[in-house]
Amino acid sequence: MESGNSTMVTEFILLGLTQSQDAQIVVFVLVSIFYLIILPGNFLIILTIKSDPGLAAPLYFFLGNLAFLDASYSFIVAPRMLVDFFSEKKVISYSCCITQLFFLHFLGTGEMFSCGHGL
């Protein structure tokens, strides 16, 4: 006799921040603006640090790493969220969710160790 739950999760339903279409448009515009500011800003920091030989101090090395991690966070979360604002069926598969969660934790751990908080 089997007593455990044998159901398997294949996808998650994303309810979102709001059900109002007008609010979704406002949030979409805000997230898009921040996404379009964050990415070039972080890449500009990285490019400046790499191109100027006077910025070879450890402070700038860690600043460049943090800019890279911040840009990576944006690549993981924002595109999926922007797509889901206008999709009819807001679902994410189990494997995509676990992959996204893995990279968020991986980058979070990298940030923790690069800032010295993990020591």
PDB file of N, CA and C in Angstrom:
ATOM      1  N   MET A   1       0.833  -1.170   0.000  1.00  0.00           N
ATOM      2  CA  MET A   1       0.000   0.000   0.000  1.00  0.00           C
ATOM      3  C   MET A   1       0.883   1.240   0.000  1.00  0.00           C
ATOM      4  N   GLU A   2       0.643   2.084  -0.961  1.00  0.00           N
ATOM      5  CA  GLU A   2       1.421   3.314  -1.098  1.00  0.00           C
ATOM      6  C   GLU A   2       0.712   4.439  -0.349  1.00  0.00           C
ATOM      7  N   SER A   3       1.443   5.089   0.574  1.00  0.00           N
ATOM      8  CA  SER A   3       0.801   6.117   1.388  1.00  0.00           C
ATOM      9  C   SER A   3       1.266   7.531   1.043  1.00  0.00           C
ATOM     10  N   GLY A   4       2.290   7.699   0.217  1.00  0.00           N
ATOM     11  CA  GLY A   4       2.818   9.028  -0.105  1.00  0.00           C
ATOM     12  C   GLY A   4       2.111   9.655  -1.289  1.00  0.00           C
ATOM     13  N   ASN A   5       2.345  10.911  -1.482  1.00  0.00           N
ATOM     14  CA  ASN A   5       1.793  11.648  -2.607  1.00  0.00           C
ATOM     15  C   ASN A   5       2.666  11.372  -3.826  1.00  0.00           C
ATOM     16  N   SER A   6       2.091  10.875  -4.893  1.00  0.00           N
ATOM     17  CA  SER A   6       2.876  10.504  -6.070  1.00  0.00           C
ATOM     18  C   SER A   6       2.681  11.470  -7.240  1.00  0.00           C
ATOM     19  N   THR A   7       2.106  12.629  -7.002  1.00  0.00           N
ATOM     20  CA  THR A   7       1.937  13.592  -8.083  1.00  0.00           C
ATOM     21  C   THR A   7       3.268  14.261  -8.392  1.00  0.00           C
ATOM     22  N   MET A   8       3.441  14.630  -9.659  1.00  0.00           N
ATOM     23  CA  MET A   8       4.660  15.310 -10.087  1.00  0.00           C
ATOM     24  C   MET A   8       4.330  16.698 -10.591  1.00  0.00           C
ATOM     25  N   VAL A   9       5.129  17.658 -10.177  1.00  0.00           N
ATOM     26  CA  VAL A   9       4.942  19.030 -10.625  1.00  0.00           C
ATOM     27  C   VAL A   9       5.642  19.188 -11.971  1.00  0.00           C
ATOM     28  N   THR A  10       4.911  19.690 -12.968  1.00  0.00           N
ATOM     29  CA  THR A  10       5.511  19.902 -14.288  1.00  0.00           C
ATOM     30  C   THR A  10       5.616  21.377 -14.637  1.00  0.00           C
ATOM     31  N   GLU A  11       4.770  22.199 -14.018  1.00  0.00           N
ATOM     32  CA  GLU A  11       4.818  23.627 -14.284  1.00  0.00           C
ATOM     33  C   GLU A  11       4.203  24.403 -13.118  1.00  0.00           C
ATOM     34  N   PHE A  12       4.556  25.687 -13.060  1.00  0.00           N
ATOM     35  CA  PHE A  12       4.017  26.576 -12.048  1.00  0.00           C
ATOM     36  C   PHE A  12       3.195  27.660 -12.739  1.00  0.00           C
ATOM     37  N   ILE A  13       2.071  28.015 -12.146  1.00  0.00           N
ATOM     38  CA  ILE A  13       1.229  29.086 -12.675  1.00  0.00           C
ATOM     39  C   ILE A  13       1.678  30.386 -12.016  1.00  0.00           C
ATOM     40  N   LEU A  14       2.016  31.364 -12.838  1.00  0.00           N
ATOM     41  CA  LEU A  14       2.463  32.661 -12.342  1.00  0.00           C
ATOM     42  C   LEU A  14       1.278  33.613 -12.308  1.00  0.00           C
ATOM     43  N   LEU A  15       0.860  33.989 -11.133  1.00  0.00           N
ATOM     44  CA  LEU A  15      -0.287  34.872 -11.008  1.00  0.00           C
ATOM     45  C   LEU A  15       0.086  36.315 -11.250  1.00  0.00           C
ATOM     46  N   GLY A  16       1.329  36.682 -11.058  1.00  0.00           N
ATOM     47  CA  GLY A  16       1.788  38.027 -11.342  1.00  0.00           C
ATOM     48  C   GLY A  16       1.541  38.986 -10.207  1.00  0.00           C
ATOM     49  N   LEU A  17       1.906  40.217 -10.450  1.00  0.00           N
ATOM     50  CA  LEU A  17       1.766  41.255  -9.439  1.00  0.00           C
ATOM     51  C   LEU A  17       0.340  41.773  -9.350  1.00  0.00           C
ATOM     52  N   THR A  18      -0.351  41.776 -10.459  1.00  0.00           N
ATOM     53  CA  THR A  18      -1.708  42.305 -10.488  1.00  0.00           C
ATOM     54  C   THR A  18      -2.482  41.655 -11.628  1.00  0.00           C
ATOM     55  N   GLN A  19      -3.790  41.659 -11.499  1.00  0.00           N
ATOM     56  CA  GLN A  19      -4.641  41.122 -12.559  1.00  0.00           C
ATOM     57  C   GLN A  19      -5.166  42.231 -13.472  1.00  0.00           C
ATOM     58  N   SER A  20      -4.971  43.484 -13.085  1.00  0.00           N
ATOM     59  CA  SER A  20      -5.435  44.623 -13.862  1.00  0.00           C
ATOM     60  C   SER A  20      -4.517  44.844 -15.077  1.00  0.00           C
ATOM     61  N   GLN A  21      -5.112  44.935 -16.246  1.00  0.00           N
ATOM     62  CA  GLN A  21      -4.333  45.138 -17.479  1.00  0.00           C
ATOM     63  C   GLN A  21      -3.621  46.480 -17.468  1.00  0.00           C
ATOM     64  N   ASP A  22      -4.275  47.525 -16.954  1.00  0.00           N
ATOM     65  CA  ASP A  22      -3.647  48.847 -16.891  1.00  0.00           C
ATOM     66  C   ASP A  22      -2.432  48.847 -15.965  1.00  0.00           C
ATOM     67  N   ALA A  23      -2.561  48.192 -14.819  1.00  0.00           N
ATOM     68  CA  ALA A  23      -1.437  48.109 -13.882  1.00  0.00           C
ATOM     69  C   ALA A  23      -0.299  47.282 -14.475  1.00  0.00           C
ATOM     70  N   GLN A  24      -0.643  46.241 -15.226  1.00  0.00           N
ATOM     71  CA  GLN A  24       0.395  45.422 -15.866  1.00  0.00           C
ATOM     72  C   GLN A  24       1.187  46.241 -16.881  1.00  0.00           C
ATOM     73  N   ILE A  25       0.523  47.111 -17.606  1.00  0.00           N
ATOM     74  CA  ILE A  25       1.210  47.962 -18.583  1.00  0.00           C
ATOM     75  C   ILE A  25       2.150  48.922 -17.875  1.00  0.00           C
ATOM     76  N   VAL A  26       1.682  49.505 -16.766  1.00  0.00           N
ATOM     77  CA  VAL A  26       2.527  50.429 -16.000  1.00  0.00           C
ATOM     78  C   VAL A  26       3.762  49.706 -15.463  1.00  0.00           C
ATOM     79  N   VAL A  27       3.563  48.527 -14.892  1.00  0.00           N
ATOM     80  CA  VAL A  27       4.690  47.763 -14.349  1.00  0.00           C
ATOM     81  C   VAL A  27       5.623  47.325 -15.480  1.00  0.00           C
ATOM     82  N   PHE A  28       5.064  46.932 -16.614  1.00  0.00           N
ATOM     83  CA  PHE A  28       5.887  46.546 -17.767  1.00  0.00           C
ATOM     84  C   PHE A  28       6.782  47.703 -18.208  1.00  0.00           C
ATOM     85  N   VAL A  29       6.207  48.904 -18.297  1.00  0.00           N
ATOM     86  CA  VAL A  29       6.978  50.077 -18.713  1.00  0.00           C
ATOM     87  C   VAL A  29       8.080  50.378 -17.697  1.00  0.00           C
ATOM     88  N   LEU A  30       7.757  50.328 -16.414  1.00  0.00           N
ATOM     89  CA  LEU A  30       8.757  50.600 -15.380  1.00  0.00           C
ATOM     90  C   LEU A  30       9.893  49.577 -15.394  1.00  0.00           C
ATOM     91  N   VAL A  31       9.540  48.300 -15.477  1.00  0.00           N
ATOM     92  CA  VAL A  31      10.571  47.255 -15.512  1.00  0.00           C
ATOM     93  C   VAL A  31      11.417  47.401 -16.773  1.00  0.00           C
ATOM     94  N   SER A  32      10.795  47.714 -17.898  1.00  0.00           N
ATOM     95  CA  SER A  32      11.553  47.901 -19.150  1.00  0.00           C
ATOM     96  C   SER A  32      12.525  49.069 -19.040  1.00  0.00           C
ATOM     97  N   ILE A  33      12.074  50.167 -18.456  1.00  0.00           N
ATOM     98  CA  ILE A  33      12.951  51.336 -18.298  1.00  0.00           C
ATOM     99  C   ILE A  33      14.136  50.996 -17.407  1.00  0.00           C
ATOM    100  N   PHE A  34      13.858  50.364 -16.264  1.00  0.00           N
ATOM    101  CA  PHE A  34      14.954  50.007 -15.361  1.00  0.00           C
ATOM    102  C   PHE A  34      15.902  49.015 -16.012  1.00  0.00           C
ATOM    103  N   TYR A  35      15.354  48.056 -16.769  1.00  0.00           N
ATOM    104  CA  TYR A  35      16.179  47.059 -17.454  1.00  0.00           C
ATOM    105  C   TYR A  35      17.091  47.735 -18.484  1.00  0.00           C
ATOM    106  N   LEU A  36      16.537  48.705 -19.213  1.00  0.00           N
ATOM    107  CA  LEU A  36      17.316  49.407 -20.230  1.00  0.00           C
ATOM    108  C   LEU A  36      18.321  50.397 -19.633  1.00  0.00           C
ATOM    109  N   ILE A  37      18.173  50.733 -18.366  1.00  0.00           N
ATOM    110  CA  ILE A  37      19.156  51.580 -17.679  1.00  0.00           C
ATOM    111  C   ILE A  37      20.229  50.730 -17.010  1.00  0.00           C
ATOM    112  N   ILE A  38      19.812  49.637 -16.385  1.00  0.00           N
ATOM    113  CA  ILE A  38      20.736  48.794 -15.618  1.00  0.00           C
ATOM    114  C   ILE A  38      21.779  48.138 -16.515  1.00  0.00           C
ATOM    115  N   LEU A  39      21.347  47.553 -17.616  1.00  0.00           N
ATOM    116  CA  LEU A  39      22.299  46.829 -18.471  1.00  0.00           C
ATOM    117  C   LEU A  39      23.387  47.727 -19.053  1.00  0.00           C
ATOM    118  N   PRO A  40      23.043  48.810 -19.745  1.00  0.00           N
ATOM    119  CA  PRO A  40      24.122  49.662 -20.269  1.00  0.00           C
ATOM    120  C   PRO A  40      24.981  50.277 -19.164  1.00  0.00           C
ATOM    121  N   GLY A  41      24.359  50.616 -18.033  1.00  0.00           N
ATOM    122  CA  GLY A  41      25.125  51.185 -16.930  1.00  0.00           C
ATOM    123  C   GLY A  41      26.180  50.228 -16.408  1.00  0.00           C
ATOM    124  N   ASN A  42      25.801  48.973 -16.219  1.00  0.00           N
ATOM    125  CA  ASN A  42      26.759  47.984 -15.731  1.00  0.00           C
ATOM    126  C   ASN A  42      27.830  47.683 -16.780  1.00  0.00           C
ATOM    127  N   PHE A  43      27.423  47.592 -18.034  1.00  0.00           N
ATOM    128  CA  PHE A  43      28.422  47.338 -19.076  1.00  0.00           C
ATOM    129  C   PHE A  43      29.363  48.527 -19.249  1.00  0.00           C
ATOM    130  N   LEU A  44      28.871  49.728 -19.032  1.00  0.00           N
ATOM    131  CA  LEU A  44      29.727  50.915 -19.086  1.00  0.00           C
ATOM    132  C   LEU A  44      30.749  50.898 -17.939  1.00  0.00           C
ATOM    133  N   ILE A  45      30.331  50.476 -16.762  1.00  0.00           N
ATOM    134  CA  ILE A  45      31.259  50.338 -15.633  1.00  0.00           C
ATOM    135  C   ILE A  45      32.342  49.327 -15.969  1.00  0.00           C
ATOM    136  N   ILE A  46      31.935  48.174 -16.486  1.00  0.00           N
ATOM    137  CA  ILE A  46      32.904  47.123 -16.830  1.00  0.00           C
ATOM    138  C   ILE A  46      33.855  47.598 -17.918  1.00  0.00           C
ATOM    139  N   LEU A  47      33.320  48.228 -18.963  1.00  0.00           N
ATOM    140  CA  LEU A  47      34.141  48.718 -20.071  1.00  0.00           C
ATOM    141  C   LEU A  47      35.125  49.778 -19.593  1.00  0.00           C
ATOM    142  N   THR A  48      34.691  50.678 -18.730  1.00  0.00           N
ATOM    143  CA  THR A  48      35.571  51.720 -18.214  1.00  0.00           C
ATOM    144  C   THR A  48      36.706  51.126 -17.400  1.00  0.00           C
ATOM    145  N   ILE A  49      36.399  50.169 -16.564  1.00  0.00           N
ATOM    146  CA  ILE A  49      37.429  49.545 -15.723  1.00  0.00           C
ATOM    147  C   ILE A  49      38.421  48.763 -16.576  1.00  0.00           C
ATOM    148  N   LYS A  50      37.929  48.065 -17.595  1.00  0.00           N
ATOM    149  CA  LYS A  50      38.822  47.267 -18.451  1.00  0.00           C
ATOM    150  C   LYS A  50      39.679  48.137 -19.369  1.00  0.00           C
ATOM    151  N   SER A  51      39.149  49.273 -19.797  1.00  0.00           N
ATOM    152  CA  SER A  51      39.875  50.074 -20.783  1.00  0.00           C
ATOM    153  C   SER A  51      40.873  51.062 -20.174  1.00  0.00           C
ATOM    154  N   ASP A  52      40.707  51.436 -18.913  1.00  0.00           N
ATOM    155  CA  ASP A  52      41.599  52.408 -18.289  1.00  0.00           C
ATOM    156  C   ASP A  52      42.635  51.694 -17.419  1.00  0.00           C
ATOM    157  N   PRO A  53      43.912  51.719 -17.805  1.00  0.00           N
ATOM    158  CA  PRO A  53      44.932  51.020 -17.013  1.00  0.00           C
ATOM    159  C   PRO A  53      45.127  51.608 -15.617  1.00  0.00           C
ATOM    160  N   GLY A  54      44.715  52.848 -15.402  1.00  0.00           N
ATOM    161  CA  GLY A  54      44.832  53.461 -14.087  1.00  0.00           C
ATOM    162  C   GLY A  54      43.846  52.900 -13.076  1.00  0.00           C
ATOM    163  N   LEU A  55      42.878  52.146 -13.569  1.00  0.00           N
ATOM    164  CA  LEU A  55      41.871  51.557 -12.688  1.00  0.00           C
ATOM    165  C   LEU A  55      42.179  50.080 -12.420  1.00  0.00           C
ATOM    166  N   ALA A  56      43.408  49.806 -12.024  1.00  0.00           N
ATOM    167  CA  ALA A  56      43.827  48.432 -11.784  1.00  0.00           C
ATOM    168  C   ALA A  56      43.830  48.083 -10.301  1.00  0.00           C
ATOM    169  N   ALA A  57      43.359  48.967  -9.456  1.00  0.00           N
ATOM    170  CA  ALA A  57      43.325  48.715  -8.015  1.00  0.00           C
ATOM    171  C   ALA A  57      42.279  47.646  -7.698  1.00  0.00           C
ATOM    172  N   PRO A  58      42.455  46.936  -6.590  1.00  0.00           N
ATOM    173  CA  PRO A  58      41.482  45.902  -6.212  1.00  0.00           C
ATOM    174  C   PRO A  58      40.055  46.419  -6.082  1.00  0.00           C
ATOM    175  N   LEU A  59      39.915  47.667  -5.667  1.00  0.00           N
ATOM    176  CA  LEU A  59      38.577  48.250  -5.545  1.00  0.00           C
ATOM    177  C   LEU A  59      37.832  48.173  -6.871  1.00  0.00           C
ATOM    178  N   TYR A  60      38.506  48.509  -7.957  1.00  0.00           N
ATOM    179  CA  TYR A  60      37.867  48.511  -9.274  1.00  0.00           C
ATOM    180  C   TYR A  60      37.648  47.098  -9.801  1.00  0.00           C
ATOM    181  N   PHE A  61      38.522  46.178  -9.406  1.00  0.00           N
ATOM    182  CA  PHE A  61      38.327  44.770  -9.766  1.00  0.00           C
ATOM    183  C   PHE A  61      37.010  44.264  -9.165  1.00  0.00           C
ATOM    184  N   PHE A  62      36.796  44.546  -7.886  1.00  0.00           N
ATOM    185  CA  PHE A  62      35.572  44.102  -7.232  1.00  0.00           C
ATOM    186  C   PHE A  62      34.353  44.865  -7.745  1.00  0.00           C
ATOM    187  N   LEU A  63      34.521  46.129  -8.062  1.00  0.00           N
ATOM    188  CA  LEU A  63      33.422  46.899  -8.632  1.00  0.00           C
ATOM    189  C   LEU A  63      33.005  46.322  -9.992  1.00  0.00           C
ATOM    190  N   GLY A  64      33.984  45.949 -10.797  1.00  0.00           N
ATOM    191  CA  GLY A  64      33.684  45.321 -12.084  1.00  0.00           C
ATOM    192  C   GLY A  64      32.976  43.988 -11.924  1.00  0.00           C
ATOM    193  N   ASN A  65      33.412  43.205 -10.929  1.00  0.00           N
ATOM    194  CA  ASN A  65      32.743  41.925 -10.676  1.00  0.00           C
ATOM    195  C   ASN A  65      31.305  42.125 -10.218  1.00  0.00           C
ATOM    196  N   LEU A  66      31.086  43.091  -9.355  1.00  0.00           N
ATOM    197  CA  LEU A  66      29.725  43.358  -8.891  1.00  0.00           C
ATOM    198  C   LEU A  66      28.837  43.882 -10.022  1.00  0.00           C
ATOM    199  N   ALA A  67      29.403  44.682 -10.918  1.00  0.00           N
ATOM    200  CA  ALA A  67      28.635  45.153 -12.075  1.00  0.00           C
ATOM    201  C   ALA A  67      28.262  43.983 -12.977  1.00  0.00           C
ATOM    202  N   PHE A  68      29.183  43.044 -13.151  1.00  0.00           N
ATOM    203  CA  PHE A  68      28.900  41.849 -13.946  1.00  0.00           C
ATOM    204  C   PHE A  68      27.797  41.012 -13.297  1.00  0.00           C
ATOM    205  N   LEU A  69      27.871  40.824 -11.986  1.00  0.00           N
ATOM    206  CA  LEU A  69      26.842  40.049 -11.286  1.00  0.00           C
ATOM    207  C   LEU A  69      25.477  40.739 -11.373  1.00  0.00           C
ATOM    208  N   ASP A  70      25.460  42.044 -11.255  1.00  0.00           N
ATOM    209  CA  ASP A  70      24.203  42.787 -11.347  1.00  0.00           C
ATOM    210  C   ASP A  70      23.592  42.665 -12.745  1.00  0.00           C
ATOM    211  N   ALA A  71      24.419  42.762 -13.765  1.00  0.00           N
ATOM    212  CA  ALA A  71      23.924  42.589 -15.137  1.00  0.00           C
ATOM    213  C   ALA A  71      23.410  41.165 -15.343  1.00  0.00           C
ATOM    214  N   SER A  72      24.088  40.198 -14.742  1.00  0.00           N
ATOM    215  CA  SER A  72      23.658  38.802 -14.869  1.00  0.00           C
ATOM    216  C   SER A  72      22.310  38.576 -14.195  1.00  0.00           C
ATOM    217  N   TYR A  73      22.094  39.189 -13.024  1.00  0.00           N
ATOM    218  CA  TYR A  73      20.784  39.098 -12.380  1.00  0.00           C
ATOM    219  C   TYR A  73      19.696  39.607 -13.321  1.00  0.00           C
ATOM    220  N   SER A  74      19.986  40.718 -13.988  1.00  0.00           N
ATOM    221  CA  SER A  74      19.003  41.294 -14.903  1.00  0.00           C
ATOM    222  C   SER A  74      18.693  40.351 -16.055  1.00  0.00           C
ATOM    223  N   PHE A  75      19.706  39.654 -16.555  1.00  0.00           N
ATOM    224  CA  PHE A  75      19.489  38.709 -17.652  1.00  0.00           C
ATOM    225  C   PHE A  75      18.643  37.522 -17.223  1.00  0.00           C
ATOM    226  N   ILE A  76      18.705  37.167 -15.961  1.00  0.00           N
ATOM    227  CA  ILE A  76      17.985  35.984 -15.483  1.00  0.00           C
ATOM    228  C   ILE A  76      16.514  36.283 -15.241  1.00  0.00           C
ATOM    229  N   VAL A  77      16.213  37.394 -14.619  1.00  0.00           N
ATOM    230  CA  VAL A  77      14.854  37.648 -14.148  1.00  0.00           C
ATOM    231  C   VAL A  77      14.011  38.478 -15.121  1.00  0.00           C
ATOM    232  N   ALA A  78      14.527  39.597 -15.579  1.00  0.00           N
ATOM    233  CA  ALA A  78      13.711  40.577 -16.303  1.00  0.00           C
ATOM    234  C   ALA A  78      13.115  40.071 -17.616  1.00  0.00           C
ATOM    235  N   PRO A  79      13.859  39.398 -18.500  1.00  0.00           N
ATOM    236  CA  PRO A  79      13.240  39.004 -19.780  1.00  0.00           C
ATOM    237  C   PRO A  79      12.013  38.108 -19.608  1.00  0.00           C
ATOM    238  N   ARG A  80      12.110  37.154 -18.690  1.00  0.00           N
ATOM    239  CA  ARG A  80      10.973  36.255 -18.469  1.00  0.00           C
ATOM    240  C   ARG A  80       9.768  37.035 -17.919  1.00  0.00           C
ATOM    241  N   MET A  81      10.036  37.941 -17.005  1.00  0.00           N
ATOM    242  CA  MET A  81       8.959  38.738 -16.420  1.00  0.00           C
ATOM    243  C   MET A  81       8.307  39.623 -17.477  1.00  0.00           C
ATOM    244  N   LEU A  82       9.106  40.228 -18.356  1.00  0.00           N
ATOM    245  CA  LEU A  82       8.554  41.094 -19.400  1.00  0.00           C
ATOM    246  C   LEU A  82       7.693  40.312 -20.383  1.00  0.00           C
ATOM    247  N   VAL A  83       8.102  39.105 -20.704  1.00  0.00           N
ATOM    248  CA  VAL A  83       7.319  38.264 -21.611  1.00  0.00           C
ATOM    249  C   VAL A  83       5.996  37.874 -20.966  1.00  0.00           C
ATOM    250  N   ASP A  84       6.041  37.556 -19.676  1.00  0.00           N
ATOM    251  CA  ASP A  84       4.833  37.090 -18.989  1.00  0.00           C
ATOM    252  C   ASP A  84       3.782  38.176 -18.793  1.00  0.00           C
ATOM    253  N   PHE A  85       4.161  39.449 -18.888  1.00  0.00           N
ATOM    254  CA  PHE A  85       3.169  40.505 -18.733  1.00  0.00           C
ATOM    255  C   PHE A  85       2.106  40.442 -19.824  1.00  0.00           C
ATOM    256  N   PHE A  86       2.472  39.999 -21.026  1.00  0.00           N
ATOM    257  CA  PHE A  86       1.528  40.013 -22.135  1.00  0.00           C
ATOM    258  C   PHE A  86       1.138  38.626 -22.638  1.00  0.00           C
ATOM    259  N   SER A  87       1.585  37.572 -21.986  1.00  0.00           N
ATOM    260  CA  SER A  87       1.197  36.237 -22.417  1.00  0.00           C
ATOM    261  C   SER A  87      -0.140  35.855 -21.787  1.00  0.00           C
ATOM    262  N   GLU A  88      -0.923  35.089 -22.526  1.00  0.00           N
ATOM    263  CA  GLU A  88      -2.230  34.649 -22.034  1.00  0.00           C
ATOM    264  C   GLU A  88      -2.063  33.631 -20.911  1.00  0.00           C
ATOM    265  N   LYS A  89      -1.248  32.636 -21.163  1.00  0.00           N
ATOM    266  CA  LYS A  89      -1.037  31.562 -20.195  1.00  0.00           C
ATOM    267  C   LYS A  89       0.290  31.814 -19.487  1.00  0.00           C
ATOM    268  N   LYS A  90       0.209  32.272 -18.268  1.00  0.00           N
ATOM    269  CA  LYS A  90       1.412  32.637 -17.510  1.00  0.00           C
ATOM    270  C   LYS A  90       1.884  31.435 -16.696  1.00  0.00           C
ATOM    271  N   VAL A  91       2.695  30.604 -17.334  1.00  0.00           N
ATOM    272  CA  VAL A  91       3.238  29.424 -16.663  1.00  0.00           C
ATOM    273  C   VAL A  91       4.736  29.353 -16.919  1.00  0.00           C
ATOM    274  N   ILE A  92       5.420  28.673 -16.009  1.00  0.00           N
ATOM    275  CA  ILE A  92       6.834  28.389 -16.193  1.00  0.00           C
ATOM    276  C   ILE A  92       7.025  26.914 -15.887  1.00  0.00           C
ATOM    277  N   SER A  93       7.765  26.240 -16.738  1.00  0.00           N
ATOM    278  CA  SER A  93       7.976  24.818 -16.516  1.00  0.00           C
ATOM    279  C   SER A  93       8.859  24.608 -15.291  1.00  0.00           C
ATOM    280  N   TYR A  94       8.763  23.422 -14.740  1.00  0.00           N
ATOM    281  CA  TYR A  94       9.540  23.085 -13.545  1.00  0.00           C
ATOM    282  C   TYR A  94      11.028  23.209 -13.829  1.00  0.00           C
ATOM    283  N   SER A  95      11.472  22.698 -14.982  1.00  0.00           N
ATOM    284  CA  SER A  95      12.911  22.742 -15.291  1.00  0.00           C
ATOM    285  C   SER A  95      13.401  24.181 -15.483  1.00  0.00           C
ATOM    286  N   CYS A  96      12.597  25.041 -16.118  1.00  0.00           N
ATOM    287  CA  CYS A  96      12.993  26.446 -16.280  1.00  0.00           C
ATOM    288  C   CYS A  96      13.044  27.156 -14.931  1.00  0.00           C
ATOM    289  N   CYS A  97      12.099  26.850 -14.064  1.00  0.00           N
ATOM    290  CA  CYS A  97      12.070  27.470 -12.741  1.00  0.00           C
ATOM    291  C   CYS A  97      13.300  27.061 -11.930  1.00  0.00           C
ATOM    292  N   ILE A  98      13.630  25.776 -11.958  1.00  0.00           N
ATOM    293  CA  ILE A  98      14.791  25.281 -11.209  1.00  0.00           C
ATOM    294  C   ILE A  98      16.079  25.857 -11.794  1.00  0.00           C
ATOM    295  N   THR A  99      16.158  25.988 -13.116  1.00  0.00           N
ATOM    296  CA  THR A  99      17.344  26.575 -13.748  1.00  0.00           C
ATOM    297  C   THR A  99      17.500  28.031 -13.345  1.00  0.00           C
ATOM    298  N   GLN A 100      16.412  28.774 -13.363  1.00  0.00           N
ATOM    299  CA  GLN A 100      16.449  30.177 -12.957  1.00  0.00           C
ATOM    300  C   GLN A 100      16.852  30.301 -11.487  1.00  0.00           C
ATOM    301  N   LEU A 101      16.307  29.450 -10.652  1.00  0.00           N
ATOM    302  CA  LEU A 101      16.635  29.450  -9.234  1.00  0.00           C
ATOM    303  C   LEU A 101      18.104  29.098  -9.002  1.00  0.00           C
ATOM    304  N   PHE A 102      18.619  28.128  -9.772  1.00  0.00           N
ATOM    305  CA  PHE A 102      20.030  27.758  -9.648  1.00  0.00           C
ATOM    306  C   PHE A 102      20.945  28.949  -9.947  1.00  0.00           C
ATOM    307  N   PHE A 103      20.685  29.634 -11.055  1.00  0.00           N
ATOM    308  CA  PHE A 103      21.548  30.755 -11.426  1.00  0.00           C
ATOM    309  C   PHE A 103      21.417  31.925 -10.456  1.00  0.00           C
ATOM    310  N   LEU A 104      20.217  32.155  -9.918  1.00  0.00           N
ATOM    311  CA  LEU A 104      20.067  33.202  -8.907  1.00  0.00           C
ATOM    312  C   LEU A 104      20.891  32.885  -7.667  1.00  0.00           C
ATOM    313  N   HIS A 105      20.854  31.629  -7.222  1.00  0.00           N
ATOM    314  CA  HIS A 105      21.653  31.233  -6.060  1.00  0.00           C
ATOM    315  C   HIS A 105      23.141  31.225  -6.381  1.00  0.00           C
ATOM    316  N   PHE A 106      23.499  30.790  -7.580  1.00  0.00           N
ATOM    317  CA  PHE A 106      24.906  30.764  -7.997  1.00  0.00           C
ATOM    318  C   PHE A 106      25.489  32.175  -8.000  1.00  0.00           C
ATOM    319  N   LEU A 107      24.770  33.118  -8.595  1.00  0.00           N
ATOM    320  CA  LEU A 107      25.240  34.500  -8.639  1.00  0.00           C
ATOM    321  C   LEU A 107      25.217  35.143  -7.254  1.00  0.00           C
ATOM    322  N   GLY A 108      24.216  34.805  -6.449  1.00  0.00           N
ATOM    323  CA  GLY A 108      24.165  35.314  -5.085  1.00  0.00           C
ATOM    324  C   GLY A 108      25.346  34.838  -4.258  1.00  0.00           C
ATOM    325  N   THR A 109      25.726  33.585  -4.439  1.00  0.00           N
ATOM    326  CA  THR A 109      26.897  33.053  -3.744  1.00  0.00           C
ATOM    327  C   THR A 109      28.161  33.733  -4.240  1.00  0.00           C
ATOM    328  N   GLY A 110      28.255  33.961  -5.538  1.00  0.00           N
ATOM    329  CA  GLY A 110      29.407  34.677  -6.090  1.00  0.00           C
ATOM    330  C   GLY A 110      29.520  36.079  -5.534  1.00  0.00           C
ATOM    331  N   GLU A 111      28.384  36.754  -5.408  1.00  0.00           N
ATOM    332  CA  GLU A 111      28.396  38.101  -4.836  1.00  0.00           C
ATOM    333  C   GLU A 111      28.794  38.064  -3.362  1.00  0.00           C
ATOM    334  N   MET A 112      28.308  37.067  -2.667  1.00  0.00           N
ATOM    335  CA  MET A 112      28.620  36.934  -1.242  1.00  0.00           C
ATOM    336  C   MET A 112      30.130  36.749  -1.042  1.00  0.00           C
ATOM    337  N   PHE A 113      30.740  35.884  -1.845  1.00  0.00           N
ATOM    338  CA  PHE A 113      32.173  35.638  -1.681  1.00  0.00           C
ATOM    339  C   PHE A 113      33.033  36.770  -2.242  1.00  0.00           C
ATOM    340  N   SER A 114      32.554  37.454  -3.270  1.00  0.00           N
ATOM    341  CA  SER A 114      33.376  38.560  -3.806  1.00  0.00           C
ATOM    342  C   SER A 114      33.377  39.769  -2.891  1.00  0.00           C
ATOM    343  N   CYS A 115      32.325  39.917  -2.094  1.00  0.00           N
ATOM    344  CA  CYS A 115      32.272  41.033  -1.145  1.00  0.00           C
ATOM    345  C   CYS A 115      32.923  40.689   0.188  1.00  0.00           C
ATOM    346  N   GLY A 116      33.293  39.444   0.387  1.00  0.00           N
ATOM    347  CA  GLY A 116      33.933  39.046   1.631  1.00  0.00           C
ATOM    348  C   GLY A 116      32.959  38.675   2.734  1.00  0.00           C
ATOM    349  N   HIS A 117      31.666  38.605   2.422  1.00  0.00           N
ATOM    350  CA  HIS A 117      30.689  38.269   3.454  1.00  0.00           C
ATOM    351  C   HIS A 117      30.702  36.777   3.777  1.00  0.00           C
ATOM    352  N   GLY A 118      31.253  35.976   2.915  1.00  0.00           N
ATOM    353  CA  GLY A 118      31.251  34.542   3.142  1.00  0.00           C
ATOM    354  C   GLY A 118      32.451  34.054   3.928  1.00  0.00           C
ATOM    355  N   LEU A 119      33.321  34.943   4.330  1.00  0.00           N
ATOM    356  CA  LEU A 119      34.520  34.515   5.036  1.00  0.00           C
ATOM    357  C   LEU A 119      34.307  34.393   6.509  1.00  0.00           C
TER     358      LEU A 119
END
